[in-house]
Structures are given as structure tokens and as C-alpha cells.
Amino acid sequence: MKQTTLDKLYTIDRTIRSVLNIAIVACLVLLVLASLHTSYKQFFTYALAAVAILCVILGIARLCLSPFVKSDEQEDFEQKLDYVLQQRAAQSKQSISSVSSDSSPLCNLSSEHQQQILSLFRQLPSHPDKPDAINMALVAQYLTAMEQLHLLSLSDKRALRLWVAHTTGKQVPATSHFNEAIPSTNRKEVAKARKQLEKILQTPLLS
């Protein structure tokens, strides 16, 4: 079934729900009025029967539409889930944006070499299937090589993950995945990364 058709059915279902809610309230009011001994008792009784029949018809209509639209419970659950995900995303962005150069894990570097290494990190290829995400294996190799050169420590992986996200401006894997990837066990690739970093460190500083 086309999405436009599903959207129309959803609109119809929610309209019926609104009318049904009003009709239920009207039934309760008419039930109270019909129980009173007034000159309009018969009128209220007939009105109650009519509204009750309307409620039954609307209920059957919603039941027929139920296979094609979300239930009230499902929609409420999805709204709550979206809210939780939005809050987590906001907290994550706030944590990443709070990382500044003052909290950089880099050490034993001149400001010029530090900028060159940061530039290198930003230019590392992204994930092959996700252009806006880091290549975790590649980043792990460079981080491991940097630790071997005593340029940073891998001990505080939480802060390191935030720093990588802040430096690259790309998405990083979940904490568990990030932590498991560091240090890299690919000695050959780590050695290549180390040589590239050593080349940067051997670059003469500008006077």
C-alpha cells in the first residue's frame, strides 16, 4: 500500500478517534441526564441511544483501520522513544562541543607539530560506507602509534573518544566499540602510521 494512502488512513483514523472521544463524553453526560426525572427524560434517553450507536459504529471503523495504522499505544511509545533519542543526541553533542584544545590529550609537542598532527587526523579517510563517520580501524592505528611515540596516553578512552570526535568533526562508534578497537593490534599498519608521524616530528620548526 502506498505511503500516501497510509497517511490518509492515518488521518481518518485519528479523526474518528477524536469524534469517538467526544461521543463517549456525550454518552456519559446523557446517561446522567437520562437518569434524572425530568420532562426531557425520554429525549435524553433517545439521544443516549443514538450517541451510543454512533460510538459502536466509530469503534468498528477504528477496528477495521487498525491493521493499516499505528495503535495509540504504539504511537505513544514511538514518541517517547524519539524524545529519549533526541535527549541522548543533544547530550552527546554537548559533551563533544565542550571539548576544547585545553583538554587535548596531545603532549610533548610544539604548537606547530601539534597543528600538523591535528591536520593529519582531519584528513584521514572516512568509513568506507559512512562518509560522515571515522574509519575506526585507521584511527586506532594512529592513536596506538602516537602512544608508542609518547605523544598521548590511551588510558582515558572516554576523553579520547570525545577528542577524536571534536578533532575530526565526524561520528565516532559507540563507547564499547571505540574502547575495544584501542590499542590496535595491526602491527604492520601501526608501524606505517608511526613512520608518518615521525616524519612530521622531524620537520624543522619555523623560526
N, C-alpha and C. Protein backbone atom coordinates (compact mmCIF):
# COMPACT_ATOMS: atom_id res chain seq x y z
N MET A 1 0.84 -1.20 0.00
CA MET A 1 0.00 0.00 0.00
C MET A 1 0.88 1.25 0.00
N LYS A 2 0.52 2.25 -0.84
CA LYS A 2 1.31 3.46 -0.96
C LYS A 2 1.30 4.26 0.34
N GLN A 3 2.39 5.02 0.52
CA GLN A 3 2.51 5.82 1.74
C GLN A 3 1.44 6.90 1.81
N THR A 4 1.08 7.46 0.65
CA THR A 4 0.03 8.49 0.65
C THR A 4 -1.30 7.92 1.12
N THR A 5 -1.58 6.69 0.70
CA THR A 5 -2.82 6.03 1.15
C THR A 5 -2.79 5.77 2.64
N LEU A 6 -1.62 5.33 3.13
CA LEU A 6 -1.47 5.07 4.57
C LEU A 6 -1.63 6.36 5.37
N ASP A 7 -1.11 7.45 4.82
CA ASP A 7 -1.24 8.74 5.50
C ASP A 7 -2.71 9.17 5.58
N LYS A 8 -3.45 8.93 4.50
CA LYS A 8 -4.87 9.28 4.51
C LYS A 8 -5.64 8.43 5.52
N LEU A 9 -5.32 7.14 5.56
CA LEU A 9 -5.98 6.26 6.52
C LEU A 9 -5.66 6.67 7.95
N TYR A 10 -4.41 7.11 8.15
CA TYR A 10 -4.00 7.58 9.49
C TYR A 10 -4.80 8.81 9.89
N THR A 11 -4.96 9.74 8.95
CA THR A 11 -5.74 10.96 9.22
C THR A 11 -7.19 10.62 9.55
N ILE A 12 -7.75 9.71 8.77
CA ILE A 12 -9.14 9.29 9.01
C ILE A 12 -9.27 8.63 10.38
N ASP A 13 -8.31 7.77 10.71
CA ASP A 13 -8.36 7.06 11.99
C ASP A 13 -8.28 8.02 13.16
N ARG A 14 -7.39 9.01 13.07
CA ARG A 14 -7.23 9.96 14.17
C ARG A 14 -8.43 10.90 14.27
N THR A 15 -9.07 11.20 13.13
CA THR A 15 -10.29 12.00 13.16
C THR A 15 -11.41 11.22 13.85
N ILE A 16 -11.52 9.94 13.49
CA ILE A 16 -12.53 9.08 14.12
C ILE A 16 -12.27 8.99 15.62
N ARG A 17 -11.00 8.88 16.00
CA ARG A 17 -10.67 8.80 17.43
C ARG A 17 -11.13 10.04 18.17
N SER A 18 -10.90 11.22 17.58
CA SER A 18 -11.31 12.47 18.23
C SER A 18 -12.82 12.53 18.39
N VAL A 19 -13.55 12.16 17.31
CA VAL A 19 -15.01 12.17 17.36
C VAL A 19 -15.51 11.15 18.39
N LEU A 20 -14.85 9.99 18.43
CA LEU A 20 -15.24 8.94 19.37
C LEU A 20 -15.07 9.39 20.81
N ASN A 21 -13.98 10.07 21.08
CA ASN A 21 -13.74 10.58 22.44
C ASN A 21 -14.83 11.57 22.86
N ILE A 22 -15.20 12.43 21.91
CA ILE A 22 -16.28 13.40 22.20
C ILE A 22 -17.60 12.67 22.42
N ALA A 23 -17.85 11.66 21.59
CA ALA A 23 -19.10 10.90 21.69
C ALA A 23 -19.19 10.15 23.02
N ILE A 24 -18.06 9.63 23.50
CA ILE A 24 -18.05 8.92 24.79
C ILE A 24 -18.40 9.87 25.92
N VAL A 25 -17.82 11.07 25.87
CA VAL A 25 -18.13 12.08 26.89
C VAL A 25 -19.62 12.44 26.83
N ALA A 26 -20.13 12.59 25.61
CA ALA A 26 -21.55 12.93 25.43
C ALA A 26 -22.44 11.82 25.99
N CYS A 27 -22.01 10.56 25.80
CA CYS A 27 -22.77 9.43 26.34
C CYS A 27 -22.86 9.50 27.86
N LEU A 28 -21.75 9.81 28.50
CA LEU A 28 -21.73 9.90 29.96
C LEU A 28 -22.65 11.01 30.45
N VAL A 29 -22.60 12.16 29.75
CA VAL A 29 -23.45 13.28 30.14
C VAL A 29 -24.92 12.92 29.94
N LEU A 30 -25.23 12.32 28.80
CA LEU A 30 -26.62 11.94 28.51
C LEU A 30 -27.12 10.86 29.45
N LEU A 31 -26.22 9.98 29.86
CA LEU A 31 -26.59 8.93 30.81
C LEU A 31 -27.03 9.53 32.13
N VAL A 32 -26.29 10.56 32.58
CA VAL A 32 -26.65 11.23 33.83
C VAL A 32 -27.98 11.96 33.66
N LEU A 33 -28.14 12.66 32.54
CA LEU A 33 -29.37 13.42 32.30
C LEU A 33 -30.58 12.49 32.15
N ALA A 34 -30.36 11.34 31.51
CA ALA A 34 -31.48 10.41 31.30
C ALA A 34 -31.92 9.74 32.60
N SER A 35 -31.01 9.70 33.56
CA SER A 35 -31.37 9.09 34.85
C SER A 35 -32.16 10.04 35.74
N LEU A 36 -32.21 11.31 35.37
CA LEU A 36 -32.96 12.29 36.16
C LEU A 36 -34.43 12.26 35.76
N HIS A 37 -35.29 12.51 36.69
CA HIS A 37 -36.74 12.53 36.43
C HIS A 37 -37.14 13.95 36.02
N THR A 38 -37.00 14.19 34.72
CA THR A 38 -37.39 15.50 34.17
C THR A 38 -38.31 15.27 32.98
N SER A 39 -38.86 16.37 32.49
CA SER A 39 -39.77 16.28 31.34
C SER A 39 -39.02 15.91 30.05
N TYR A 40 -37.69 16.04 30.08
CA TYR A 40 -36.88 15.72 28.91
C TYR A 40 -36.23 14.34 29.02
N LYS A 41 -36.69 13.54 29.97
CA LYS A 41 -36.07 12.23 30.21
C LYS A 41 -36.10 11.36 28.95
N GLN A 42 -37.24 11.33 28.27
CA GLN A 42 -37.35 10.50 27.08
C GLN A 42 -36.42 10.99 25.96
N PHE A 43 -36.34 12.31 25.82
CA PHE A 43 -35.45 12.89 24.80
C PHE A 43 -34.00 12.51 25.07
N PHE A 44 -33.59 12.64 26.33
CA PHE A 44 -32.22 12.28 26.68
C PHE A 44 -31.96 10.80 26.47
N THR A 45 -32.99 9.98 26.70
CA THR A 45 -32.83 8.53 26.50
C THR A 45 -32.61 8.21 25.03
N TYR A 46 -33.42 8.81 24.17
CA TYR A 46 -33.26 8.60 22.73
C TYR A 46 -31.89 9.11 22.25
N ALA A 47 -31.52 10.28 22.76
CA ALA A 47 -30.22 10.86 22.38
C ALA A 47 -29.08 9.96 22.83
N LEU A 48 -29.21 9.40 24.03
CA LEU A 48 -28.19 8.49 24.56
C LEU A 48 -28.07 7.27 23.65
N ALA A 49 -29.18 6.71 23.24
CA ALA A 49 -29.16 5.54 22.36
C ALA A 49 -28.50 5.86 21.02
N ALA A 50 -28.83 7.03 20.49
CA ALA A 50 -28.26 7.43 19.20
C ALA A 50 -26.74 7.61 19.30
N VAL A 51 -26.30 8.29 20.36
CA VAL A 51 -24.86 8.52 20.52
C VAL A 51 -24.14 7.21 20.80
N ALA A 52 -24.79 6.31 21.55
CA ALA A 52 -24.19 5.01 21.83
C ALA A 52 -24.00 4.21 20.55
N ILE A 53 -25.00 4.26 19.68
CA ILE A 53 -24.89 3.58 18.38
C ILE A 53 -23.75 4.19 17.56
N LEU A 54 -23.63 5.52 17.61
CA LEU A 54 -22.54 6.20 16.90
C LEU A 54 -21.18 5.73 17.43
N CYS A 55 -21.09 5.57 18.76
CA CYS A 55 -19.84 5.11 19.36
C CYS A 55 -19.48 3.71 18.85
N VAL A 56 -20.49 2.85 18.76
CA VAL A 56 -20.26 1.48 18.27
C VAL A 56 -19.76 1.52 16.83
N ILE A 57 -20.40 2.35 15.99
CA ILE A 57 -20.01 2.45 14.58
C ILE A 57 -18.59 2.97 14.45
N LEU A 58 -18.27 4.02 15.22
CA LEU A 58 -16.91 4.58 15.18
C LEU A 58 -15.88 3.57 15.69
N GLY A 59 -16.26 2.81 16.72
CA GLY A 59 -15.35 1.79 17.24
C GLY A 59 -15.08 0.72 16.22
N ILE A 60 -16.11 0.29 15.49
CA ILE A 60 -15.93 -0.72 14.44
C ILE A 60 -15.06 -0.16 13.31
N ALA A 61 -15.25 1.12 12.98
CA ALA A 61 -14.45 1.75 11.93
C ALA A 61 -12.97 1.77 12.31
N ARG A 62 -12.69 2.10 13.56
CA ARG A 62 -11.29 2.11 14.01
C ARG A 62 -10.71 0.70 14.01
N LEU A 63 -11.55 -0.26 14.35
CA LEU A 63 -11.10 -1.66 14.36
C LEU A 63 -10.75 -2.10 12.95
N CYS A 64 -11.52 -1.68 11.97
CA CYS A 64 -11.25 -2.03 10.57
C CYS A 64 -9.97 -1.36 10.06
N LEU A 65 -9.68 -0.16 10.58
CA LEU A 65 -8.49 0.57 10.14
C LEU A 65 -7.22 0.15 10.89
N SER A 66 -7.39 -0.54 12.01
CA SER A 66 -6.25 -0.88 12.87
C SER A 66 -5.12 -1.63 12.18
N PRO A 67 -5.40 -2.53 11.19
CA PRO A 67 -4.27 -3.21 10.53
C PRO A 67 -3.40 -2.29 9.70
N PHE A 68 -3.91 -1.11 9.37
CA PHE A 68 -3.20 -0.22 8.45
C PHE A 68 -2.60 1.02 9.13
N VAL A 69 -2.92 1.25 10.38
CA VAL A 69 -2.40 2.43 11.09
C VAL A 69 -1.82 2.00 12.44
N LYS A 70 -0.99 2.88 12.99
CA LYS A 70 -0.40 2.61 14.29
C LYS A 70 -1.46 2.73 15.38
N SER A 71 -1.33 1.87 16.37
CA SER A 71 -2.22 1.98 17.52
C SER A 71 -1.82 3.17 18.38
N ASP A 72 -2.72 3.60 19.24
CA ASP A 72 -2.41 4.73 20.14
C ASP A 72 -1.21 4.40 21.01
N GLU A 73 -1.14 3.15 21.49
CA GLU A 73 -0.04 2.73 22.37
C GLU A 73 1.29 2.74 21.62
N GLN A 74 1.26 2.24 20.37
CA GLN A 74 2.48 2.22 19.57
C GLN A 74 2.97 3.62 19.25
N GLU A 75 2.04 4.51 18.91
CA GLU A 75 2.41 5.89 18.61
C GLU A 75 2.97 6.58 19.85
N ASP A 76 2.37 6.34 20.99
CA ASP A 76 2.85 6.94 22.24
C ASP A 76 4.24 6.42 22.57
N PHE A 77 4.47 5.12 22.36
CA PHE A 77 5.79 4.53 22.63
C PHE A 77 6.84 5.13 21.71
N GLU A 78 6.52 5.29 20.41
CA GLU A 78 7.48 5.84 19.46
C GLU A 78 7.80 7.30 19.78
N GLN A 79 6.81 8.05 20.24
CA GLN A 79 7.06 9.44 20.61
C GLN A 79 8.00 9.52 21.81
N LYS A 80 7.78 8.64 22.79
CA LYS A 80 8.67 8.61 23.96
C LYS A 80 10.07 8.19 23.57
N LEU A 81 10.17 7.20 22.66
CA LEU A 81 11.48 6.73 22.20
C LEU A 81 12.21 7.83 21.45
N ASP A 82 11.50 8.56 20.58
CA ASP A 82 12.11 9.67 19.84
C ASP A 82 12.61 10.74 20.80
N TYR A 83 11.84 10.99 21.85
CA TYR A 83 12.25 12.01 22.84
C TYR A 83 13.54 11.59 23.53
N VAL A 84 13.61 10.31 23.93
CA VAL A 84 14.81 9.80 24.60
C VAL A 84 16.02 9.89 23.69
N LEU A 85 15.85 9.49 22.42
CA LEU A 85 16.95 9.53 21.46
C LEU A 85 17.41 10.96 21.21
N GLN A 86 16.47 11.89 21.13
CA GLN A 86 16.81 13.29 20.92
C GLN A 86 17.60 13.85 22.11
N GLN A 87 17.18 13.45 23.32
CA GLN A 87 17.88 13.91 24.52
C GLN A 87 19.30 13.36 24.56
N ARG A 88 19.46 12.09 24.20
CA ARG A 88 20.79 11.48 24.20
C ARG A 88 21.68 12.13 23.15
N ALA A 89 21.10 12.41 21.97
CA ALA A 89 21.87 13.05 20.90
C ALA A 89 22.31 14.45 21.33
N ALA A 90 21.41 15.16 22.01
CA ALA A 90 21.74 16.52 22.47
C ALA A 90 22.84 16.48 23.52
N GLN A 91 22.76 15.50 24.43
CA GLN A 91 23.79 15.37 25.45
C GLN A 91 25.14 15.01 24.84
N SER A 92 25.10 14.14 23.82
CA SER A 92 26.33 13.74 23.15
C SER A 92 26.99 14.92 22.45
N LYS A 93 26.15 15.73 21.74
CA LYS A 93 26.69 16.91 21.06
C LYS A 93 27.25 17.91 22.06
N GLN A 94 26.57 18.04 23.21
CA GLN A 94 27.02 18.98 24.22
C GLN A 94 28.36 18.54 24.80
N SER A 95 28.51 17.22 24.99
CA SER A 95 29.76 16.69 25.54
C SER A 95 30.90 16.90 24.56
N ILE A 96 30.61 16.65 23.26
CA ILE A 96 31.65 16.80 22.24
C ILE A 96 32.04 18.26 22.07
N SER A 97 31.04 19.15 22.06
CA SER A 97 31.33 20.57 21.88
C SER A 97 32.06 21.17 23.07
N SER A 98 31.97 20.51 24.22
CA SER A 98 32.64 21.03 25.41
C SER A 98 34.13 20.71 25.43
N VAL A 99 34.58 19.84 24.48
CA VAL A 99 36.00 19.50 24.43
C VAL A 99 36.74 20.63 23.74
N SER A 100 37.73 21.19 24.37
CA SER A 100 38.50 22.29 23.80
C SER A 100 39.95 21.88 23.66
N SER A 101 40.75 22.76 23.10
CA SER A 101 42.17 22.48 22.93
C SER A 101 42.86 22.32 24.28
N ASP A 102 42.29 22.90 25.31
CA ASP A 102 42.89 22.78 26.64
C ASP A 102 42.82 21.35 27.15
N SER A 103 41.85 20.56 26.68
CA SER A 103 41.70 19.19 27.14
C SER A 103 42.27 18.20 26.14
N SER A 104 43.10 18.67 25.22
CA SER A 104 43.71 17.80 24.22
C SER A 104 44.65 16.81 24.90
N PRO A 105 44.60 15.53 24.48
CA PRO A 105 45.49 14.53 25.09
C PRO A 105 46.92 14.61 24.56
N LEU A 106 47.15 15.42 23.53
CA LEU A 106 48.48 15.52 22.94
C LEU A 106 49.47 16.13 23.93
N CYS A 107 50.66 15.60 23.93
CA CYS A 107 51.70 16.12 24.84
C CYS A 107 53.06 15.97 24.16
N ASN A 108 54.05 16.65 24.73
CA ASN A 108 55.42 16.61 24.22
C ASN A 108 55.51 17.07 22.76
N LEU A 109 54.69 18.05 22.41
CA LEU A 109 54.66 18.55 21.04
C LEU A 109 54.73 20.07 21.03
N SER A 110 55.41 20.60 20.05
CA SER A 110 55.37 22.04 19.84
C SER A 110 54.02 22.38 19.24
N SER A 111 53.65 23.63 19.29
CA SER A 111 52.34 24.05 18.76
C SER A 111 52.25 23.78 17.26
N GLU A 112 53.39 23.93 16.55
CA GLU A 112 53.39 23.70 15.11
C GLU A 112 53.20 22.23 14.79
N HIS A 113 53.92 21.36 15.48
CA HIS A 113 53.77 19.93 15.26
C HIS A 113 52.38 19.45 15.67
N GLN A 114 51.86 20.05 16.72
CA GLN A 114 50.52 19.68 17.18
C GLN A 114 49.48 20.01 16.09
N GLN A 115 49.61 21.17 15.48
CA GLN A 115 48.68 21.56 14.42
C GLN A 115 48.82 20.65 13.20
N GLN A 116 50.04 20.21 12.92
CA GLN A 116 50.26 19.32 11.78
C GLN A 116 49.60 17.96 12.02
N ILE A 117 49.69 17.47 13.26
CA ILE A 117 49.09 16.19 13.59
C ILE A 117 47.57 16.28 13.60
N LEU A 118 47.05 17.39 14.10
CA LEU A 118 45.60 17.60 14.06
C LEU A 118 45.11 17.65 12.62
N SER A 119 45.88 18.30 11.75
CA SER A 119 45.52 18.36 10.34
C SER A 119 45.54 16.97 9.72
N LEU A 120 46.53 16.16 10.12
CA LEU A 120 46.61 14.78 9.63
C LEU A 120 45.38 13.99 10.04
N PHE A 121 44.96 14.15 11.28
CA PHE A 121 43.78 13.43 11.78
C PHE A 121 42.53 13.82 10.99
N ARG A 122 42.40 15.10 10.70
CA ARG A 122 41.21 15.56 9.99
C ARG A 122 41.18 15.04 8.55
N GLN A 123 42.35 14.74 8.00
CA GLN A 123 42.43 14.30 6.62
C GLN A 123 42.38 12.78 6.47
N LEU A 124 42.32 12.05 7.58
CA LEU A 124 42.24 10.60 7.49
C LEU A 124 40.96 10.19 6.77
N PRO A 125 41.02 9.17 5.92
CA PRO A 125 39.83 8.71 5.18
C PRO A 125 38.69 8.32 6.12
N SER A 126 37.48 8.60 5.70
CA SER A 126 36.31 8.26 6.50
C SER A 126 35.99 6.78 6.37
N HIS A 127 34.97 6.37 7.09
CA HIS A 127 34.47 4.99 6.99
C HIS A 127 34.04 4.74 5.53
N PRO A 128 34.41 3.60 4.95
CA PRO A 128 34.09 3.35 3.53
C PRO A 128 32.61 3.40 3.21
N ASP A 129 31.75 3.07 4.18
CA ASP A 129 30.30 3.06 3.92
C ASP A 129 29.59 4.25 4.55
N LYS A 130 30.32 5.04 5.37
CA LYS A 130 29.70 6.17 6.05
C LYS A 130 30.65 7.38 5.95
N PRO A 131 30.45 8.22 4.96
CA PRO A 131 31.36 9.36 4.76
C PRO A 131 31.44 10.32 5.94
N ASP A 132 30.38 10.35 6.78
CA ASP A 132 30.38 11.28 7.91
C ASP A 132 30.86 10.62 9.21
N ALA A 133 31.44 9.42 9.11
CA ALA A 133 31.94 8.71 10.29
C ALA A 133 33.42 8.38 10.11
N ILE A 134 34.12 8.25 11.22
CA ILE A 134 35.55 7.94 11.15
C ILE A 134 35.76 6.48 10.75
N ASN A 135 36.95 6.22 10.21
CA ASN A 135 37.38 4.84 9.98
C ASN A 135 38.05 4.38 11.27
N MET A 136 37.32 3.64 12.10
CA MET A 136 37.77 3.33 13.45
C MET A 136 39.09 2.57 13.45
N ALA A 137 39.25 1.61 12.53
CA ALA A 137 40.48 0.83 12.49
C ALA A 137 41.68 1.72 12.19
N LEU A 138 41.51 2.64 11.24
CA LEU A 138 42.59 3.55 10.86
C LEU A 138 42.93 4.50 12.00
N VAL A 139 41.90 5.07 12.62
CA VAL A 139 42.13 6.00 13.74
C VAL A 139 42.83 5.28 14.89
N ALA A 140 42.44 4.05 15.15
CA ALA A 140 43.06 3.27 16.23
C ALA A 140 44.54 3.04 15.96
N GLN A 141 44.88 2.82 14.70
CA GLN A 141 46.29 2.61 14.33
C GLN A 141 47.12 3.85 14.62
N TYR A 142 46.60 5.02 14.28
CA TYR A 142 47.33 6.26 14.52
C TYR A 142 47.41 6.58 16.01
N LEU A 143 46.33 6.33 16.74
CA LEU A 143 46.35 6.58 18.18
C LEU A 143 47.37 5.67 18.86
N THR A 144 47.41 4.42 18.43
CA THR A 144 48.37 3.47 19.01
C THR A 144 49.80 3.90 18.70
N ALA A 145 50.04 4.33 17.46
CA ALA A 145 51.37 4.80 17.08
C ALA A 145 51.76 6.05 17.88
N MET A 146 50.79 6.93 18.14
CA MET A 146 51.07 8.13 18.91
C MET A 146 51.42 7.79 20.35
N GLU A 147 50.77 6.76 20.90
CA GLU A 147 51.12 6.35 22.26
C GLU A 147 52.54 5.79 22.28
N GLN A 148 52.91 5.03 21.27
CA GLN A 148 54.26 4.47 21.20
C GLN A 148 55.32 5.56 21.12
N LEU A 149 54.93 6.70 20.53
CA LEU A 149 55.85 7.83 20.43
C LEU A 149 55.73 8.77 21.62
N HIS A 150 54.93 8.36 22.61
CA HIS A 150 54.72 9.14 23.84
C HIS A 150 54.13 10.52 23.55
N LEU A 151 53.22 10.55 22.55
CA LEU A 151 52.56 11.80 22.20
C LEU A 151 51.20 11.93 22.88
N LEU A 152 50.68 10.81 23.37
CA LEU A 152 49.44 10.82 24.13
C LEU A 152 49.32 9.52 24.90
N SER A 153 48.31 9.46 25.77
CA SER A 153 48.03 8.26 26.56
C SER A 153 46.66 7.72 26.17
N LEU A 154 46.55 6.40 26.13
CA LEU A 154 45.28 5.76 25.80
C LEU A 154 44.49 5.37 27.04
N SER A 155 44.93 5.82 28.20
CA SER A 155 44.31 5.38 29.45
C SER A 155 42.87 5.90 29.60
N ASP A 156 42.65 7.17 29.30
CA ASP A 156 41.31 7.75 29.43
C ASP A 156 40.62 7.68 28.06
N LYS A 157 40.03 6.54 27.78
CA LYS A 157 39.44 6.32 26.46
C LYS A 157 38.17 7.15 26.24
N ARG A 158 37.47 7.45 27.32
CA ARG A 158 36.26 8.28 27.19
C ARG A 158 36.62 9.67 26.68
N ALA A 159 37.60 10.30 27.32
CA ALA A 159 38.04 11.63 26.90
C ALA A 159 38.66 11.57 25.50
N LEU A 160 39.36 10.47 25.21
CA LEU A 160 39.99 10.31 23.90
C LEU A 160 38.93 10.21 22.80
N ARG A 161 37.85 9.51 23.08
CA ARG A 161 36.75 9.37 22.10
C ARG A 161 36.14 10.74 21.80
N LEU A 162 35.90 11.55 22.82
CA LEU A 162 35.35 12.89 22.62
C LEU A 162 36.32 13.77 21.84
N TRP A 163 37.60 13.62 22.14
CA TRP A 163 38.62 14.41 21.45
C TRP A 163 38.66 14.05 19.97
N VAL A 164 38.59 12.77 19.65
CA VAL A 164 38.59 12.32 18.25
C VAL A 164 37.39 12.90 17.51
N ALA A 165 36.22 12.84 18.15
CA ALA A 165 35.00 13.37 17.53
C ALA A 165 35.13 14.88 17.30
N HIS A 166 35.67 15.56 18.29
CA HIS A 166 35.83 17.02 18.19
C HIS A 166 36.85 17.38 17.11
N THR A 167 37.94 16.64 17.05
CA THR A 167 39.03 16.95 16.12
C THR A 167 38.63 16.67 14.68
N THR A 168 38.01 15.53 14.44
CA THR A 168 37.66 15.13 13.08
C THR A 168 36.36 15.74 12.60
N GLY A 169 35.47 16.08 13.55
CA GLY A 169 34.16 16.58 13.17
C GLY A 169 33.28 15.51 12.57
N LYS A 170 33.61 14.24 12.86
CA LYS A 170 32.85 13.12 12.30
C LYS A 170 32.26 12.27 13.42
N GLN A 171 31.34 11.40 13.05
CA GLN A 171 30.73 10.50 14.03
C GLN A 171 31.75 9.44 14.46
N VAL A 172 31.66 9.07 15.72
CA VAL A 172 32.53 8.03 16.27
C VAL A 172 31.67 6.85 16.72
N PRO A 173 32.23 5.65 16.75
CA PRO A 173 31.44 4.48 17.17
C PRO A 173 31.01 4.59 18.63
N ALA A 174 30.14 3.67 19.02
CA ALA A 174 29.71 3.61 20.42
C ALA A 174 30.92 3.39 21.32
N THR A 175 30.77 3.76 22.59
CA THR A 175 31.89 3.69 23.53
C THR A 175 32.52 2.31 23.58
N SER A 176 31.70 1.26 23.64
CA SER A 176 32.23 -0.10 23.74
C SER A 176 33.05 -0.46 22.51
N HIS A 177 32.56 -0.11 21.34
CA HIS A 177 33.29 -0.40 20.09
C HIS A 177 34.59 0.40 20.04
N PHE A 178 34.53 1.65 20.44
CA PHE A 178 35.73 2.50 20.44
C PHE A 178 36.79 1.93 21.38
N ASN A 179 36.36 1.56 22.58
CA ASN A 179 37.31 1.05 23.57
C ASN A 179 37.96 -0.26 23.13
N GLU A 180 37.16 -1.12 22.47
CA GLU A 180 37.69 -2.41 22.03
C GLU A 180 38.71 -2.27 20.91
N ALA A 181 38.59 -1.21 20.12
CA ALA A 181 39.47 -1.01 18.97
C ALA A 181 40.84 -0.47 19.35
N ILE A 182 40.96 0.02 20.58
CA ILE A 182 42.21 0.65 21.04
C ILE A 182 42.80 -0.15 22.21
N PRO A 183 44.11 -0.45 22.16
CA PRO A 183 45.05 -0.15 21.08
C PRO A 183 44.90 -1.11 19.90
N SER A 184 45.36 -0.68 18.74
CA SER A 184 45.27 -1.50 17.54
C SER A 184 46.28 -2.65 17.62
N THR A 185 45.86 -3.81 17.16
CA THR A 185 46.74 -4.99 17.16
C THR A 185 47.37 -5.23 15.79
N ASN A 186 47.08 -4.35 14.84
CA ASN A 186 47.64 -4.48 13.49
C ASN A 186 49.03 -3.82 13.47
N ARG A 187 50.04 -4.59 13.81
CA ARG A 187 51.40 -4.04 13.97
C ARG A 187 51.93 -3.43 12.68
N LYS A 188 51.62 -4.07 11.56
CA LYS A 188 52.13 -3.57 10.28
C LYS A 188 51.60 -2.18 9.98
N GLU A 189 50.28 -1.99 10.14
CA GLU A 189 49.67 -0.69 9.85
C GLU A 189 50.05 0.36 10.90
N VAL A 190 50.21 -0.09 12.15
CA VAL A 190 50.64 0.83 13.20
C VAL A 190 52.04 1.35 12.89
N ALA A 191 52.90 0.47 12.39
CA ALA A 191 54.27 0.87 12.03
C ALA A 191 54.25 1.90 10.92
N LYS A 192 53.34 1.74 9.94
CA LYS A 192 53.23 2.72 8.86
C LYS A 192 52.78 4.08 9.40
N ALA A 193 51.81 4.05 10.29
CA ALA A 193 51.33 5.29 10.90
C ALA A 193 52.43 5.95 11.70
N ARG A 194 53.21 5.13 12.39
CA ARG A 194 54.30 5.68 13.21
C ARG A 194 55.34 6.38 12.34
N LYS A 195 55.66 5.79 11.19
CA LYS A 195 56.63 6.41 10.29
C LYS A 195 56.12 7.76 9.78
N GLN A 196 54.84 7.82 9.48
CA GLN A 196 54.27 9.08 9.01
C GLN A 196 54.31 10.15 10.10
N LEU A 197 54.04 9.73 11.33
CA LEU A 197 54.09 10.67 12.45
C LEU A 197 55.53 11.11 12.73
N GLU A 198 56.47 10.18 12.64
CA GLU A 198 57.88 10.52 12.85
C GLU A 198 58.37 11.51 11.80
N LYS A 199 57.84 11.38 10.59
CA LYS A 199 58.21 12.31 9.52
C LYS A 199 57.75 13.72 9.87
N ILE A 200 56.55 13.82 10.47
CA ILE A 200 56.05 15.12 10.89
C ILE A 200 56.92 15.70 12.01
N LEU A 201 57.30 14.84 12.95
CA LEU A 201 58.09 15.30 14.10
C LEU A 201 59.49 15.73 13.68
N GLN A 202 59.98 15.19 12.56
CA GLN A 202 61.32 15.53 12.08
C GLN A 202 61.31 16.78 11.22
N THR A 203 60.10 17.30 10.95
CA THR A 203 60.01 18.52 10.15
C THR A 203 60.56 19.71 10.96
N PRO A 204 61.51 20.46 10.41
CA PRO A 204 62.08 21.60 11.15
C PRO A 204 60.99 22.61 11.51
N LEU A 205 61.11 23.17 12.68
CA LEU A 205 60.15 24.19 13.12
C LEU A 205 60.48 25.52 12.46
N LEU A 206 59.43 26.27 12.16
CA LEU A 206 59.63 27.60 11.60
C LEU A 206 60.13 28.53 12.68
N SER A 207 61.06 29.34 12.35
CA SER A 207 61.60 30.27 13.36
C SER A 207 60.70 31.48 13.49
